[in-house]
N, C-alpha and C. Protein backbone atom coordinates (compact mmCIF):
# COMPACT_ATOMS: atom_id res chain seq x y z
N UNK A 1 119.70 85.26 104.70
CA UNK A 1 119.32 86.69 104.27
C UNK A 1 118.85 87.09 105.65
N UNK A 2 119.72 88.08 106.13
CA UNK A 2 119.32 88.85 107.38
C UNK A 2 118.48 90.28 107.40
N UNK A 3 118.22 90.27 105.99
CA UNK A 3 117.64 91.52 105.66
C UNK A 3 116.08 91.58 105.73
N UNK A 4 115.40 92.68 105.81
CA UNK A 4 114.08 92.69 105.77
C UNK A 4 113.61 93.16 104.35
N UNK A 5 112.72 92.45 103.58
CA UNK A 5 112.38 92.82 102.51
C UNK A 5 110.84 93.19 102.55
N UNK A 6 110.48 94.46 101.92
CA UNK A 6 108.93 94.80 101.65
C UNK A 6 108.60 95.38 100.31
N UNK A 7 107.62 94.80 99.89
CA UNK A 7 107.15 95.34 98.56
C UNK A 7 105.77 95.55 98.64
N UNK A 8 105.41 96.58 98.14
CA UNK A 8 103.94 97.04 98.28
C UNK A 8 103.54 97.25 96.70
N UNK A 9 102.43 96.76 96.52
CA UNK A 9 101.64 96.74 95.09
C UNK A 9 100.27 96.97 95.25
N UNK A 10 99.64 97.58 94.24
CA UNK A 10 98.26 97.61 94.25
C UNK A 10 97.44 96.36 94.38
N UNK A 11 96.24 96.49 94.89
CA UNK A 11 95.31 95.30 95.36
C UNK A 11 94.75 94.92 94.10
N UNK A 12 95.36 94.42 93.00
CA UNK A 12 94.92 94.05 91.78
C UNK A 12 95.42 92.68 91.43
N UNK A 13 94.68 91.88 90.63
CA UNK A 13 95.09 90.44 90.62
C UNK A 13 96.40 90.36 89.55
N UNK A 14 96.40 91.52 88.80
CA UNK A 14 97.71 91.51 87.90
C UNK A 14 98.79 91.73 88.75
N UNK A 15 98.93 92.14 89.61
CA UNK A 15 100.09 92.40 90.73
C UNK A 15 100.42 91.39 91.65
N UNK A 16 99.67 90.32 91.73
CA UNK A 16 99.88 89.29 92.62
C UNK A 16 101.27 88.48 91.74
N UNK A 17 101.12 88.81 90.42
CA UNK A 17 102.41 88.09 89.72
C UNK A 17 103.60 88.84 90.37
N UNK A 18 103.62 90.21 90.58
CA UNK A 18 104.73 90.75 91.16
C UNK A 18 105.36 90.15 92.39
N UNK A 19 104.18 89.72 93.34
CA UNK A 19 104.43 89.19 94.41
C UNK A 19 105.13 87.97 94.29
N UNK A 20 104.47 87.28 93.48
CA UNK A 20 105.16 85.56 92.92
C UNK A 20 106.30 85.70 92.52
N UNK A 21 106.72 86.71 91.73
CA UNK A 21 107.93 86.84 90.97
C UNK A 21 109.12 87.12 92.40
N UNK A 22 108.68 87.93 93.19
CA UNK A 22 109.57 88.46 94.30
C UNK A 22 109.83 87.37 95.22
N UNK A 23 108.79 86.44 95.52
CA UNK A 23 109.10 85.27 96.18
C UNK A 23 109.90 84.33 95.46
N UNK A 24 110.06 84.23 94.20
CA UNK A 24 110.90 83.44 93.63
C UNK A 24 112.46 83.94 94.00
N UNK A 25 112.77 85.16 93.88
CA UNK A 25 114.00 85.81 94.25
C UNK A 25 114.25 85.51 95.70
N UNK A 26 113.38 85.53 96.70
CA UNK A 26 113.68 85.25 98.02
C UNK A 26 114.02 83.71 98.28
N UNK A 27 113.21 83.16 97.57
CA UNK A 27 113.54 81.63 97.75
C UNK A 27 114.87 81.23 97.31
N UNK A 28 115.30 81.82 96.25
CA UNK A 28 116.71 81.71 95.84
C UNK A 28 117.89 82.07 96.62
N UNK A 29 117.69 83.32 97.30
CA UNK A 29 118.44 84.03 98.15
C UNK A 29 118.59 82.94 99.69
N UNK A 30 117.24 82.36 99.97
CA UNK A 30 117.28 81.71 100.98
C UNK A 30 117.38 80.23 100.79
N UNK A 31 117.89 79.75 99.78
CA UNK A 31 118.02 78.20 99.49
C UNK A 31 117.04 77.33 99.64
N UNK A 32 115.63 77.77 99.18
CA UNK A 32 114.29 76.99 99.42
C UNK A 32 114.45 76.19 98.25
N UNK A 33 113.96 74.77 98.36
CA UNK A 33 114.05 73.78 97.20
C UNK A 33 112.75 74.25 96.47
N UNK A 34 112.84 74.03 95.28
CA UNK A 34 111.68 73.93 94.20
C UNK A 34 110.35 73.82 95.05
N UNK A 35 110.01 72.58 95.41
CA UNK A 35 108.69 72.28 96.02
C UNK A 35 108.21 73.17 96.92
N UNK A 36 109.04 73.61 97.84
CA UNK A 36 108.79 74.69 98.80
C UNK A 36 108.43 75.89 98.14
N UNK A 37 109.07 76.47 97.18
CA UNK A 37 109.00 77.73 96.51
C UNK A 37 107.58 77.76 95.78
N UNK A 38 107.14 76.72 95.18
CA UNK A 38 105.87 76.36 94.58
C UNK A 38 104.71 76.42 95.49
N UNK A 39 104.93 75.84 96.59
CA UNK A 39 103.90 75.91 97.89
C UNK A 39 103.86 77.13 98.21
N UNK A 40 104.82 77.81 98.41
CA UNK A 40 104.76 79.48 98.77
C UNK A 40 104.18 80.17 97.93
N UNK A 41 104.46 80.15 96.61
CA UNK A 41 103.72 80.98 95.61
C UNK A 41 102.24 80.48 95.40
N UNK A 42 101.86 79.32 95.75
CA UNK A 42 100.49 78.96 95.55
C UNK A 42 99.80 79.43 96.93
N UNK A 43 100.44 79.38 98.22
CA UNK A 43 99.98 80.06 99.20
C UNK A 43 99.80 81.47 99.20
N UNK A 44 100.74 82.12 98.65
CA UNK A 44 100.62 83.71 98.38
C UNK A 44 99.37 83.97 97.52
N UNK A 45 99.27 83.11 96.39
CA UNK A 45 97.81 83.42 95.47
C UNK A 45 96.74 83.30 96.38
N UNK A 46 96.64 82.27 97.04
CA UNK A 46 95.42 82.13 97.85
C UNK A 46 95.31 83.09 99.02
N UNK A 47 96.42 83.65 99.58
CA UNK A 47 96.36 84.61 100.69
C UNK A 47 95.99 85.79 100.01
N UNK A 48 96.59 86.30 98.85
CA UNK A 48 96.11 87.56 98.19
C UNK A 48 94.80 87.72 97.86
N UNK A 49 94.24 86.46 97.29
CA UNK A 49 92.83 86.42 96.70
C UNK A 49 91.78 86.53 97.97
N UNK A 50 92.29 85.81 99.08
CA UNK A 50 91.46 86.18 100.24
C UNK A 50 91.34 87.61 100.84
N UNK A 51 92.71 88.13 100.95
CA UNK A 51 92.72 89.61 101.30
C UNK A 51 91.87 90.65 100.48
N UNK A 52 91.93 90.27 99.07
CA UNK A 52 91.26 91.18 98.15
C UNK A 52 89.87 90.97 98.07
N UNK A 53 89.22 89.76 98.49
CA UNK A 53 87.84 89.53 98.33
C UNK A 53 87.28 89.28 99.53
N UNK A 54 87.07 90.58 100.53
CA UNK A 54 86.39 90.39 101.88
C UNK A 54 85.16 91.29 101.73
N UNK A 55 84.75 91.67 102.96
CA UNK A 55 83.75 92.69 103.23
C UNK A 55 84.12 94.26 102.77
N UNK A 56 85.28 94.45 102.66
CA UNK A 56 85.64 95.95 102.42
C UNK A 56 86.87 95.79 101.26
N UNK A 57 86.87 96.85 100.28
CA UNK A 57 87.92 96.64 99.17
C UNK A 57 89.35 96.72 99.74
N UNK A 58 90.14 96.29 99.11
CA UNK A 58 91.59 96.48 99.54
C UNK A 58 92.33 97.35 98.60
N UNK A 59 93.00 98.24 99.16
CA UNK A 59 93.78 99.30 98.28
C UNK A 59 95.06 99.00 97.92
N UNK A 60 95.67 98.18 98.57
CA UNK A 60 97.29 97.90 98.37
C UNK A 60 97.27 96.56 99.02
N UNK A 61 98.46 95.55 98.77
CA UNK A 61 98.92 94.36 99.10
C UNK A 61 100.54 94.84 99.50
N UNK A 62 100.94 94.30 100.70
CA UNK A 62 102.37 94.53 101.05
C UNK A 62 102.80 93.17 101.48
N UNK A 63 103.89 92.85 100.94
CA UNK A 63 104.79 91.70 101.14
C UNK A 63 105.84 92.04 102.07
N UNK A 64 106.08 91.42 103.36
CA UNK A 64 107.07 91.57 104.32
C UNK A 64 107.76 90.18 104.34
N UNK A 65 109.29 89.97 104.22
CA UNK A 65 109.83 88.78 104.07
C UNK A 65 111.29 88.98 105.16
N UNK A 66 111.55 87.96 105.81
CA UNK A 66 112.78 87.96 106.70
C UNK A 66 113.17 86.49 106.90
N UNK A 67 114.44 86.49 107.27
CA UNK A 67 114.66 85.25 107.87
C UNK A 67 114.89 85.30 109.40
N UNK A 68 114.33 84.30 109.97
CA UNK A 68 114.21 84.05 111.57
C UNK A 68 114.41 82.52 111.86
N UNK A 69 115.31 82.20 112.87
CA UNK A 69 115.25 80.73 113.43
C UNK A 69 115.18 79.87 112.49
N UNK A 70 115.82 79.93 111.30
CA UNK A 70 115.87 78.71 110.22
C UNK A 70 114.70 78.63 109.48
N UNK A 71 113.96 79.66 109.44
CA UNK A 71 112.57 79.72 108.64
C UNK A 71 112.90 81.07 107.79
N UNK A 72 111.99 81.03 106.59
CA UNK A 72 111.75 82.21 105.98
C UNK A 72 110.12 82.67 106.23
N UNK A 73 110.15 83.77 107.17
CA UNK A 73 108.92 84.36 107.30
C UNK A 73 108.22 85.37 106.42
N UNK A 74 107.16 84.99 105.74
CA UNK A 74 106.56 85.82 104.89
C UNK A 74 105.10 86.57 105.34
N UNK A 75 104.93 87.75 105.39
CA UNK A 75 103.58 88.49 105.75
C UNK A 75 103.00 89.05 104.61
N UNK A 76 101.71 88.63 104.24
CA UNK A 76 101.16 89.42 103.21
C UNK A 76 99.82 90.38 104.00
N UNK A 77 99.85 91.63 103.82
CA UNK A 77 98.98 92.51 104.39
C UNK A 77 98.46 93.23 103.50
N UNK A 78 96.92 93.37 103.92
CA UNK A 78 96.12 94.29 102.74
C UNK A 78 95.85 95.76 103.66
N UNK A 79 95.68 96.60 102.83
CA UNK A 79 95.42 97.97 103.29
C UNK A 79 93.94 98.01 102.90
N UNK A 80 92.85 97.98 103.81
CA UNK A 80 91.70 97.84 103.46
C UNK A 80 90.98 98.94 103.53
N UNK A 81 90.17 99.63 102.70
CA UNK A 81 89.39 100.66 102.70
C UNK A 81 87.98 100.64 103.48
N UNK A 82 87.72 101.26 104.49
CA UNK A 82 86.64 101.18 105.10
C UNK A 82 86.51 100.03 106.18
N UNK A 83 85.14 99.98 106.70
CA UNK A 83 84.93 99.03 107.43
C UNK A 83 84.13 97.86 106.55
N UNK A 84 84.07 96.65 107.21
CA UNK A 84 83.08 95.70 106.79
C UNK A 84 82.66 94.69 107.65
N UNK A 85 82.14 93.69 107.28
CA UNK A 85 81.17 92.80 108.03
C UNK A 85 81.99 91.58 108.57
N UNK A 86 83.23 91.76 107.91
CA UNK A 86 84.17 90.66 108.23
C UNK A 86 83.86 89.22 107.54
N UNK A 87 84.70 88.17 107.70
CA UNK A 87 84.51 86.76 106.91
C UNK A 87 83.90 86.13 108.32
N UNK A 88 82.95 85.15 107.94
CA UNK A 88 82.51 84.20 108.78
C UNK A 88 83.80 83.32 109.36
N UNK A 89 83.22 82.67 110.57
CA UNK A 89 84.45 81.91 111.16
C UNK A 89 84.66 80.61 110.09
N UNK A 90 83.66 80.15 109.53
CA UNK A 90 83.72 79.22 108.56
C UNK A 90 84.58 79.35 107.33
N UNK A 91 84.43 80.60 106.80
CA UNK A 91 85.29 81.07 105.66
C UNK A 91 86.70 81.06 106.03
N UNK A 92 87.03 81.65 107.34
CA UNK A 92 88.39 81.81 107.87
C UNK A 92 88.94 80.44 108.00
N UNK A 93 88.32 79.54 109.06
CA UNK A 93 88.96 78.32 109.07
C UNK A 93 89.27 77.69 107.78
N UNK A 94 88.21 77.74 106.71
CA UNK A 94 88.46 77.08 105.42
C UNK A 94 89.82 77.64 104.70
N UNK A 95 89.89 78.98 104.75
CA UNK A 95 91.18 79.50 104.14
C UNK A 95 92.30 79.10 104.84
N UNK A 96 92.19 79.30 106.04
CA UNK A 96 93.61 78.75 106.99
C UNK A 96 93.90 77.21 106.60
N UNK A 97 92.74 76.29 106.60
CA UNK A 97 92.96 75.06 106.24
C UNK A 97 93.74 74.77 104.67
N UNK A 98 93.26 75.58 103.93
CA UNK A 98 94.05 75.44 102.48
C UNK A 98 95.15 75.95 102.66
N UNK A 99 95.69 77.10 103.29
CA UNK A 99 96.92 77.70 103.41
C UNK A 99 97.74 76.35 104.15
N UNK A 100 97.24 75.84 105.08
CA UNK A 100 97.92 74.89 105.73
C UNK A 100 98.38 73.66 105.18
N UNK A 101 97.51 73.41 104.00
CA UNK A 101 97.87 72.04 103.16
C UNK A 101 99.25 72.58 102.40
N UNK A 102 99.63 73.75 102.25
CA UNK A 102 100.66 74.15 101.46
C UNK A 102 101.99 74.65 102.32
N UNK A 103 101.69 75.16 103.46
CA UNK A 103 102.59 75.86 104.44
C UNK A 103 102.57 75.32 105.84
N UNK A 104 103.49 74.98 106.39
CA UNK A 104 103.54 74.60 107.95
C UNK A 104 102.75 75.32 108.96
N UNK A 105 103.45 76.78 108.81
CA UNK A 105 102.69 77.57 109.78
C UNK A 105 101.96 78.94 109.11
N UNK A 106 100.76 79.00 109.47
CA UNK A 106 99.89 79.94 108.96
C UNK A 106 99.09 80.61 110.01
N UNK A 107 99.35 82.03 110.12
CA UNK A 107 98.41 82.73 110.95
C UNK A 107 97.56 83.65 110.26
N UNK A 108 96.28 83.83 110.74
CA UNK A 108 95.61 84.91 110.09
C UNK A 108 95.21 86.08 111.10
N UNK A 109 95.55 87.22 110.86
CA UNK A 109 95.42 88.45 111.84
C UNK A 109 94.14 89.21 111.31
N UNK A 110 93.15 89.40 112.17
CA UNK A 110 91.93 90.26 111.94
C UNK A 110 92.10 91.61 112.72
N UNK A 111 91.12 92.44 112.18
CA UNK A 111 90.93 93.58 112.58
C UNK A 111 89.74 93.73 113.49
N UNK A 112 89.43 94.64 114.18
CA UNK A 112 88.34 94.66 115.00
C UNK A 112 87.13 94.43 114.64
N UNK A 113 86.85 94.76 113.19
CA UNK A 113 85.75 94.43 112.47
C UNK A 113 85.64 92.97 112.07
N UNK A 114 86.53 92.10 112.24
CA UNK A 114 86.47 90.73 111.77
C UNK A 114 87.23 90.37 110.46
N UNK A 115 87.44 91.66 109.73
CA UNK A 115 88.29 91.57 108.30
C UNK A 115 89.90 90.91 108.80
N UNK A 116 90.06 90.05 107.74
CA UNK A 116 91.37 89.65 108.02
C UNK A 116 92.47 90.51 107.19
N UNK A 117 93.21 90.91 107.88
CA UNK A 117 94.36 92.21 107.38
C UNK A 117 95.64 91.52 107.18
N UNK A 118 95.98 90.37 107.66
CA UNK A 118 97.40 90.12 107.57
C UNK A 118 97.48 88.49 107.47
N UNK A 119 98.29 87.85 106.67
CA UNK A 119 98.25 86.29 106.58
C UNK A 119 99.71 86.20 106.71
N UNK A 120 100.20 85.40 107.78
CA UNK A 120 101.69 85.20 108.01
C UNK A 120 101.92 83.95 107.72
N UNK A 121 103.11 83.63 107.12
CA UNK A 121 103.54 82.08 106.58
C UNK A 121 104.77 82.15 106.93
N UNK A 122 105.25 80.81 107.24
CA UNK A 122 106.76 80.52 107.47
C UNK A 122 106.90 79.19 107.13
N UNK A 123 107.98 79.15 106.23
CA UNK A 123 108.56 77.79 105.73
C UNK A 123 110.03 77.53 106.28
N UNK A 124 110.57 76.25 106.20
CA UNK A 124 111.79 76.19 106.81
C UNK A 124 112.68 76.23 105.78
N UNK A 125 113.84 76.69 105.97
CA UNK A 125 115.00 76.99 105.05
C UNK A 125 115.55 75.60 104.85
N UNK A 126 116.21 75.36 103.74
CA UNK A 126 117.15 74.04 103.57
C UNK A 126 118.21 74.09 104.46
N UNK A 127 118.43 72.92 104.91
CA UNK A 127 119.71 72.61 105.83
C UNK A 127 120.90 72.45 105.16
N UNK A 128 121.88 73.30 105.35
CA UNK A 128 123.27 73.42 104.93
C UNK A 128 123.96 72.06 104.98
């Protein structure tokens, strides 16, 4: 897959299922194995939950995915409404540690106010 896929949904728990379903299709197109798909779905659940439950309400969630360098790269981003106090360093490290048990590459991107606005994930694609 050389295409860039983007999906935006309301930041509501019911719509996280839409993101999980989209990831299933992306896994199929990118020849990911079943275990990697399940880890990616669980990581997406964790990331979406974290993005929606910070110091400012999330309006929408955006999934971006593309293939690069033998990896499927997935970004989950929240459109946050207003300013917040941000997550504590301990909360961010704990969330990142949970995600890293599932996905080899995890990056959390924060705004100036300390809120995490984007979670970046990368999983290796199957070798042909």
